[in-house]
Amino acid sequence: MLRDTVQSDVAGDAGVRLLTESDLDTADQIFRLAFGTFIGLADPTAFAGTADYVRTRFRADPSAAFGAVENGELAGSNFAANWGSVGCFGPLTIRPDLWDRGIGKRLMEPIMACFERWGTRQAGLFTFPHSQKHVGLYQRFGFWPRFLTAIMSKPVAKPEHRCESWTTLTVVPRSERDQRIADCRALTDVVFAGLDVSVDVRAVAAQELGDTVLLHHDSRLHGFAVCHCGAGTEAGTGTCYVKFGAVRPSRTASKDFDWLLLACEEFAAHRGATRLAAGVNMARHEAYVRMLQKGFRTDRHGVVMQRPNEDGYNRSGVYVVDDWR
């Protein structure tokens, strides 16, 4: 669960500023210690293994990465993501010795300012469904719990059928990549007006975190998936993680979704991954059921909280995978 480790709503005296590159090692240590402590690991610093959420998100958009400072030392951090009309944030993490001082509230304030500046229509997060403190904090900022999100995975196996109609962004000539990214943006705009995950498509390419799988039929983009692969990414060793995937709404969307999942599995195998992971909000019932039918099993659940308290694209008939961690 990668949304937050805040433990109180008591006002504190921490200052908040933009993170810098020199903060990242400390921010990563706090992230692991905070989550590992919260879930009770024997070695809290082992949380998330070889996956990296702090450096990848900072480098995707340093202007939306914030640190809290207490007595001149980094106390915690939080990150916002601008997906066009949609915004999400996290992980929000705080040093365990500084819990119960209201630092979480301070780290939320610049996130809300980002959403205001970006004109975000639908903001959301993924958090622990059993924690009243987490849910209560975010309700103060207008976020309300809705459906569960399942974090799912399956072993990567040799597919029974090959998907011949996919490629990846890095295979596309550089002169054509901006157009392919624009095609992805046009597809998500049909899913939810203004939804645009270009920041993650570009971050994966620039940081060499994996690749974006492009699914085509008759030279038209029918789906795409932004994938992280291996250590130092949000996937971790041996895993291909679909951070965001979507197919174009149409009467063939269900079958296109099957093909996209198959393409992701083939891509994962090509990259040497042994496990394919993705999240899906259970309000997208058809997508969730198709993933179960394709061999995905749930590893853990989180609850999505949204502002305003509306469906957004978490609704029936939408074939999207993501989890807002």
Protein backbone atom coordinates (compact mmCIF):
# COMPACT_ATOMS: atom_id res chain seq x y z
CA MET A 1 0.00 0.00 0.00
CA LEU A 2 1.83 3.08 -1.20
CA ARG A 3 -0.29 6.03 -0.39
CA ASP A 4 0.52 7.29 3.09
CA THR A 5 1.90 6.60 6.53
CA VAL A 6 0.60 9.62 8.42
CA GLN A 7 -0.64 8.94 11.93
CA SER A 8 -2.30 12.04 13.31
CA ASP A 9 -4.11 15.27 12.53
CA VAL A 10 -2.44 17.33 15.27
CA ALA A 11 -0.93 20.54 13.94
CA GLY A 12 2.86 20.44 13.71
CA ASP A 13 5.67 22.88 13.02
CA ALA A 14 7.30 21.25 10.02
CA GLY A 15 8.09 23.41 7.03
CA VAL A 16 7.39 22.11 3.54
CA ARG A 17 9.50 22.74 0.43
CA LEU A 18 10.24 21.21 -2.94
CA LEU A 19 12.39 18.10 -2.82
CA THR A 20 15.82 18.20 -4.41
CA GLU A 21 17.96 15.47 -5.95
CA SER A 22 20.12 15.49 -2.82
CA ASP A 23 17.06 14.56 -0.71
CA LEU A 24 16.25 11.37 -2.58
CA ASP A 25 18.33 8.85 -0.65
CA THR A 26 16.87 10.08 2.64
CA ALA A 27 13.35 10.28 1.22
CA ASP A 28 13.67 6.69 -0.01
CA GLN A 29 14.87 5.51 3.42
CA ILE A 30 11.92 7.25 5.10
CA PHE A 31 9.50 5.74 2.59
CA ARG A 32 10.69 2.19 3.33
CA LEU A 33 10.97 2.66 7.09
CA ALA A 34 7.53 4.27 7.35
CA PHE A 35 5.61 1.64 5.39
CA GLY A 36 7.62 -1.23 6.82
CA THR A 37 6.91 0.01 10.35
CA PHE A 38 3.22 0.53 9.66
CA ILE A 39 2.67 -2.99 8.33
CA GLY A 40 4.89 -4.55 11.00
CA LEU A 41 7.84 -5.93 9.05
CA ALA A 42 10.64 -7.42 11.15
CA ASP A 43 13.04 -5.31 9.07
CA PRO A 44 11.01 -2.25 8.08
CA THR A 45 13.72 -1.01 5.71
CA ALA A 46 13.16 -4.09 3.53
CA PHE A 47 9.77 -2.76 2.43
CA ALA A 48 9.32 -2.71 -1.38
CA GLY A 49 12.55 -4.61 -2.00
CA THR A 50 14.25 -3.45 -5.19
CA ALA A 51 11.30 -1.32 -6.34
CA ASP A 52 11.78 2.46 -6.37
CA TYR A 53 8.88 4.86 -5.99
CA VAL A 54 10.70 7.97 -4.73
CA ARG A 55 13.31 8.60 -7.43
CA THR A 56 11.02 7.62 -10.31
CA ARG A 57 8.26 9.99 -9.21
CA PHE A 58 10.58 12.85 -8.37
CA ARG A 59 12.23 12.65 -11.79
CA ALA A 60 8.88 12.44 -13.56
CA ASP A 61 7.97 15.91 -12.23
CA PRO A 62 10.28 17.62 -9.68
CA SER A 63 7.86 20.57 -9.47
CA ALA A 64 5.27 18.28 -7.81
CA ALA A 65 7.57 16.57 -5.28
CA PHE A 66 7.49 17.96 -1.74
CA GLY A 67 9.45 17.41 1.45
CA ALA A 68 8.66 18.25 5.05
CA VAL A 69 11.57 19.52 7.13
CA GLU A 70 11.83 19.30 10.92
CA ASN A 71 14.81 20.84 12.74
CA GLY A 72 16.70 21.08 9.48
CA GLU A 73 16.23 17.40 8.57
CA LEU A 74 13.91 15.76 6.06
CA ALA A 75 10.86 14.44 7.88
CA GLY A 76 8.75 13.09 5.03
CA SER A 77 7.68 13.53 1.43
CA ASN A 78 4.72 13.50 -0.93
CA PHE A 79 4.33 13.46 -4.73
CA ALA A 80 1.57 14.60 -7.09
CA ALA A 81 0.92 13.36 -10.63
CA ASN A 82 -0.73 15.46 -13.32
CA TRP A 83 -2.83 13.23 -15.60
CA GLY A 84 -4.58 16.08 -17.36
CA SER A 85 -8.10 16.34 -15.94
CA VAL A 86 -7.18 13.66 -13.37
CA GLY A 87 -4.69 13.98 -10.54
CA CYS A 88 -3.38 11.48 -8.00
CA PHE A 89 -0.73 11.61 -5.30
CA GLY A 90 1.61 9.62 -3.11
CA PRO A 91 3.41 7.96 -1.57
CA LEU A 92 3.00 10.25 1.43
CA THR A 93 5.49 9.06 4.04
CA ILE A 94 6.75 10.42 7.34
CA ARG A 95 9.53 9.29 9.67
CA PRO A 96 7.92 7.08 12.33
CA ASP A 97 9.52 9.04 15.18
CA LEU A 98 7.64 12.11 13.89
CA TRP A 99 4.18 10.55 13.56
CA ASP A 100 1.33 12.26 15.43
CA ARG A 101 2.62 15.77 14.75
CA GLY A 102 0.37 16.82 11.86
CA ILE A 103 3.10 16.63 9.24
CA GLY A 104 0.78 14.66 6.94
CA LYS A 105 -1.64 17.58 6.83
CA ARG A 106 1.22 19.93 5.94
CA LEU A 107 2.32 17.64 3.12
CA MET A 108 -1.20 17.58 1.71
CA GLU A 109 -1.45 21.35 1.33
CA PRO A 110 0.98 21.73 -1.62
CA ILE A 111 -0.64 18.72 -3.31
CA MET A 112 -4.01 20.44 -3.19
CA ALA A 113 -2.38 23.60 -4.53
CA CYS A 114 -1.05 21.56 -7.48
CA PHE A 115 -4.52 20.25 -8.26
CA GLU A 116 -5.88 23.78 -8.13
CA ARG A 117 -3.15 25.09 -10.41
CA TRP A 118 -3.58 22.24 -12.89
CA GLY A 119 -7.35 22.56 -13.02
CA THR A 120 -7.78 18.95 -11.92
CA ARG A 121 -11.39 17.77 -12.32
CA GLN A 122 -11.04 14.40 -10.57
CA ALA A 123 -8.42 13.77 -7.90
CA GLY A 124 -7.79 10.48 -6.16
CA LEU A 125 -5.58 8.30 -4.02
CA PHE A 126 -5.13 4.70 -2.90
CA THR A 127 -4.88 3.97 0.81
CA PHE A 128 -5.31 1.40 3.57
CA PRO A 129 -9.03 0.55 3.83
CA HIS A 130 -8.73 -0.56 7.48
CA SER A 131 -7.09 2.63 8.80
CA GLN A 132 -9.49 5.23 10.17
CA LYS A 133 -6.61 7.70 10.54
CA HIS A 134 -5.69 7.52 6.87
CA VAL A 135 -9.27 7.73 5.66
CA GLY A 136 -10.06 10.49 8.16
CA LEU A 137 -7.12 12.67 7.08
CA TYR A 138 -8.10 12.58 3.42
CA GLN A 139 -11.75 13.22 4.15
CA ARG A 140 -10.61 16.54 5.61
CA PHE A 141 -9.40 17.45 2.12
CA GLY A 142 -12.63 16.38 0.41
CA PHE A 143 -11.63 12.84 -0.60
CA TRP A 144 -14.20 10.10 -0.01
CA PRO A 145 -13.77 6.31 -0.04
CA ARG A 146 -15.38 4.45 -2.90
CA PHE A 147 -14.65 1.02 -4.41
CA LEU A 148 -11.74 -1.25 -3.54
CA THR A 149 -8.83 -1.56 -5.94
CA ALA A 150 -7.26 -4.99 -6.38
CA ILE A 151 -3.49 -5.21 -6.88
CA MET A 152 -3.25 -8.34 -9.01
CA SER A 153 -0.53 -10.44 -10.59
CA LYS A 154 0.07 -13.64 -12.50
CA PRO A 155 3.07 -15.74 -13.47
CA VAL A 156 4.43 -14.89 -16.90
CA ALA A 157 3.94 -17.93 -19.11
CA LYS A 158 4.36 -18.77 -22.76
CA PRO A 159 1.02 -17.62 -24.25
CA GLU A 160 -1.25 -20.11 -25.99
CA HIS A 161 -1.92 -17.49 -28.65
CA ARG A 162 0.43 -14.78 -29.87
CA CYS A 163 -0.64 -11.18 -30.16
CA GLU A 164 0.78 -9.97 -33.46
CA SER A 165 -0.59 -6.43 -33.39
CA TRP A 166 1.58 -4.71 -30.79
CA THR A 167 4.82 -2.81 -30.66
CA THR A 168 6.50 -0.53 -28.14
CA LEU A 169 7.22 3.18 -28.14
CA THR A 170 10.99 2.72 -28.17
CA VAL A 171 10.76 0.70 -31.40
CA VAL A 172 8.95 3.57 -33.12
CA PRO A 173 11.28 6.01 -34.95
CA ARG A 174 12.03 9.05 -32.80
CA SER A 175 10.45 11.32 -35.39
CA GLU A 176 7.12 9.54 -34.87
CA ARG A 177 7.06 9.19 -31.08
CA ASP A 178 5.33 12.49 -30.32
CA GLN A 179 2.50 11.45 -32.62
CA ARG A 180 2.18 8.07 -30.92
CA ILE A 181 2.01 9.80 -27.52
CA ALA A 182 -0.66 12.10 -28.95
CA ASP A 183 -2.57 9.00 -30.08
CA CYS A 184 -2.45 7.67 -26.51
CA ARG A 185 -3.74 11.02 -25.25
CA ALA A 186 -6.61 10.95 -27.75
CA LEU A 187 -7.56 7.46 -26.60
CA THR A 188 -7.66 8.36 -22.90
CA ASP A 189 -9.64 11.50 -23.71
CA VAL A 190 -12.41 9.19 -24.97
CA VAL A 191 -12.23 7.15 -21.75
CA PHE A 192 -12.55 10.30 -19.59
CA ALA A 193 -12.47 13.81 -20.99
CA GLY A 194 -9.03 15.35 -20.50
CA LEU A 195 -7.36 12.22 -19.05
CA ASP A 196 -3.72 12.30 -20.20
CA VAL A 197 -0.96 10.04 -18.86
CA SER A 198 1.72 11.44 -21.19
CA VAL A 199 3.82 12.41 -18.17
CA ASP A 200 4.22 8.73 -17.31
CA VAL A 201 4.76 7.64 -20.91
CA ARG A 202 7.58 10.16 -21.21
CA ALA A 203 8.99 9.38 -17.75
CA VAL A 204 9.27 5.67 -18.53
CA ALA A 205 11.09 6.46 -21.77
CA ALA A 206 13.38 9.13 -20.32
CA GLN A 207 14.32 7.13 -17.22
CA GLU A 208 14.49 3.81 -19.10
CA LEU A 209 12.08 2.23 -16.61
CA GLY A 210 10.44 -0.09 -19.15
CA ASP A 211 8.37 0.80 -22.19
CA THR A 212 4.89 1.65 -23.44
CA VAL A 213 3.11 -1.18 -25.24
CA LEU A 214 1.05 0.00 -28.22
CA LEU A 215 -1.81 -2.19 -29.49
CA HIS A 216 -2.88 -1.57 -33.09
CA HIS A 217 -5.55 -2.90 -35.42
CA ASP A 218 -5.73 -1.63 -39.00
CA SER A 219 -3.11 1.05 -38.20
CA ARG A 220 -5.32 2.51 -35.44
CA LEU A 221 -4.36 2.57 -31.77
CA HIS A 222 -6.83 0.40 -29.85
CA GLY A 223 -4.97 0.28 -26.54
CA PHE A 224 -1.72 0.98 -24.74
CA ALA A 225 0.00 0.12 -21.47
CA VAL A 226 2.75 1.99 -19.60
CA CYS A 227 4.99 -0.73 -18.14
CA HIS A 228 7.76 -0.67 -15.54
CA CYS A 229 10.21 -3.58 -15.58
CA GLY A 230 12.71 -4.78 -13.01
CA ALA A 231 14.80 -3.37 -10.19
CA GLY A 232 14.98 0.39 -9.73
CA THR A 233 11.47 0.89 -11.14
CA GLU A 234 8.03 0.65 -9.56
CA ALA A 235 7.99 -3.03 -10.52
CA GLY A 236 10.99 -4.50 -8.70
CA THR A 237 13.14 -7.49 -9.61
CA GLY A 238 11.50 -10.08 -11.83
CA THR A 239 8.27 -8.13 -12.28
CA CYS A 240 6.63 -6.21 -15.12
CA TYR A 241 4.15 -3.73 -13.61
CA VAL A 242 1.46 -2.07 -15.72
CA LYS A 243 1.22 1.37 -14.15
CA PHE A 244 -1.54 2.41 -16.56
CA GLY A 245 -3.27 0.59 -19.38
CA ALA A 246 -6.42 1.35 -21.37
CA VAL A 247 -8.32 0.29 -24.47
CA ARG A 248 -10.50 2.47 -26.65
CA PRO A 249 -14.20 2.33 -25.70
CA SER A 250 -15.98 0.42 -28.48
CA ARG A 251 -18.06 -2.66 -29.07
CA THR A 252 -14.80 -4.65 -29.29
CA ALA A 253 -13.35 -3.22 -26.06
CA SER A 254 -13.61 -6.51 -24.15
CA LYS A 255 -11.64 -8.43 -26.78
CA ASP A 256 -9.18 -5.55 -27.20
CA PHE A 257 -8.59 -5.68 -23.44
CA ASP A 258 -7.79 -9.39 -23.68
CA TRP A 259 -5.29 -8.64 -26.46
CA LEU A 260 -3.71 -5.83 -24.43
CA LEU A 261 -3.21 -8.13 -21.44
CA LEU A 262 -1.68 -10.72 -23.75
CA ALA A 263 0.61 -8.12 -25.33
CA CYS A 264 1.76 -7.04 -21.85
CA GLU A 265 2.53 -10.64 -20.94
CA GLU A 266 4.52 -11.12 -24.14
CA PHE A 267 6.39 -7.90 -23.45
CA ALA A 268 7.08 -9.05 -19.87
CA ALA A 269 8.47 -12.34 -21.15
CA HIS A 270 10.63 -10.48 -23.66
CA ARG A 271 12.08 -8.40 -20.81
CA GLY A 272 12.80 -11.50 -18.70
CA ALA A 273 10.10 -10.87 -16.10
CA THR A 274 8.57 -13.83 -14.31
CA ARG A 275 5.53 -11.98 -12.97
CA LEU A 276 3.05 -9.51 -14.50
CA ALA A 277 1.34 -7.12 -12.07
CA ALA A 278 -1.45 -4.57 -12.49
CA GLY A 279 -4.17 -2.91 -10.45
CA VAL A 280 -7.83 -2.57 -11.29
CA ASN A 281 -10.59 -0.71 -9.52
CA MET A 282 -13.51 -3.03 -8.81
CA ALA A 283 -15.98 -0.45 -10.07
CA ARG A 284 -14.61 -1.41 -13.49
CA HIS A 285 -16.36 -4.74 -13.03
CA GLU A 286 -15.91 -6.11 -16.54
CA ALA A 287 -12.17 -5.36 -16.55
CA TYR A 288 -11.76 -6.99 -13.13
CA VAL A 289 -13.62 -10.12 -14.23
CA ARG A 290 -11.58 -10.39 -17.44
CA MET A 291 -8.36 -10.22 -15.44
CA LEU A 292 -9.54 -13.04 -13.19
CA GLN A 293 -10.41 -15.07 -16.27
CA LYS A 294 -6.92 -14.48 -17.66
CA GLY A 295 -5.25 -15.90 -14.57
CA PHE A 296 -4.61 -12.79 -12.46
CA ARG A 297 -5.06 -13.22 -8.71
CA THR A 298 -5.35 -10.54 -6.05
CA ASP A 299 -2.28 -9.92 -3.90
CA ARG A 300 -3.83 -7.18 -1.76
CA HIS A 301 -6.60 -4.60 -1.68
CA GLY A 302 -6.65 -0.85 -1.17
CA VAL A 303 -9.47 1.64 -1.17
CA VAL A 304 -9.66 4.46 -3.70
CA MET A 305 -10.72 7.85 -2.35
CA GLN A 306 -11.90 10.48 -4.82
CA ARG A 307 -12.53 14.22 -4.91
CA PRO A 308 -15.24 15.02 -5.81
CA ASN A 309 -17.16 11.96 -4.68
CA GLU A 310 -17.97 10.86 -8.23
CA ASP A 311 -17.23 7.88 -10.47
CA GLY A 312 -14.72 9.54 -12.78
CA TYR A 313 -13.53 6.68 -14.97
CA ASN A 314 -13.99 4.12 -12.15
CA ARG A 315 -17.22 2.79 -13.59
CA SER A 316 -18.73 -0.17 -15.37
CA GLY A 317 -17.76 -0.63 -19.00
CA VAL A 318 -14.34 1.01 -18.66
CA TYR A 319 -11.38 -1.21 -19.53
CA VAL A 320 -8.54 0.50 -17.68
CA VAL A 321 -5.87 -0.87 -15.35
CA ASP A 322 -4.18 1.37 -12.79
CA ASP A 323 -4.19 1.65 -9.01
CA TRP A 324 -3.17 5.20 -7.95
CA ARG A 325 -0.56 3.97 -5.46
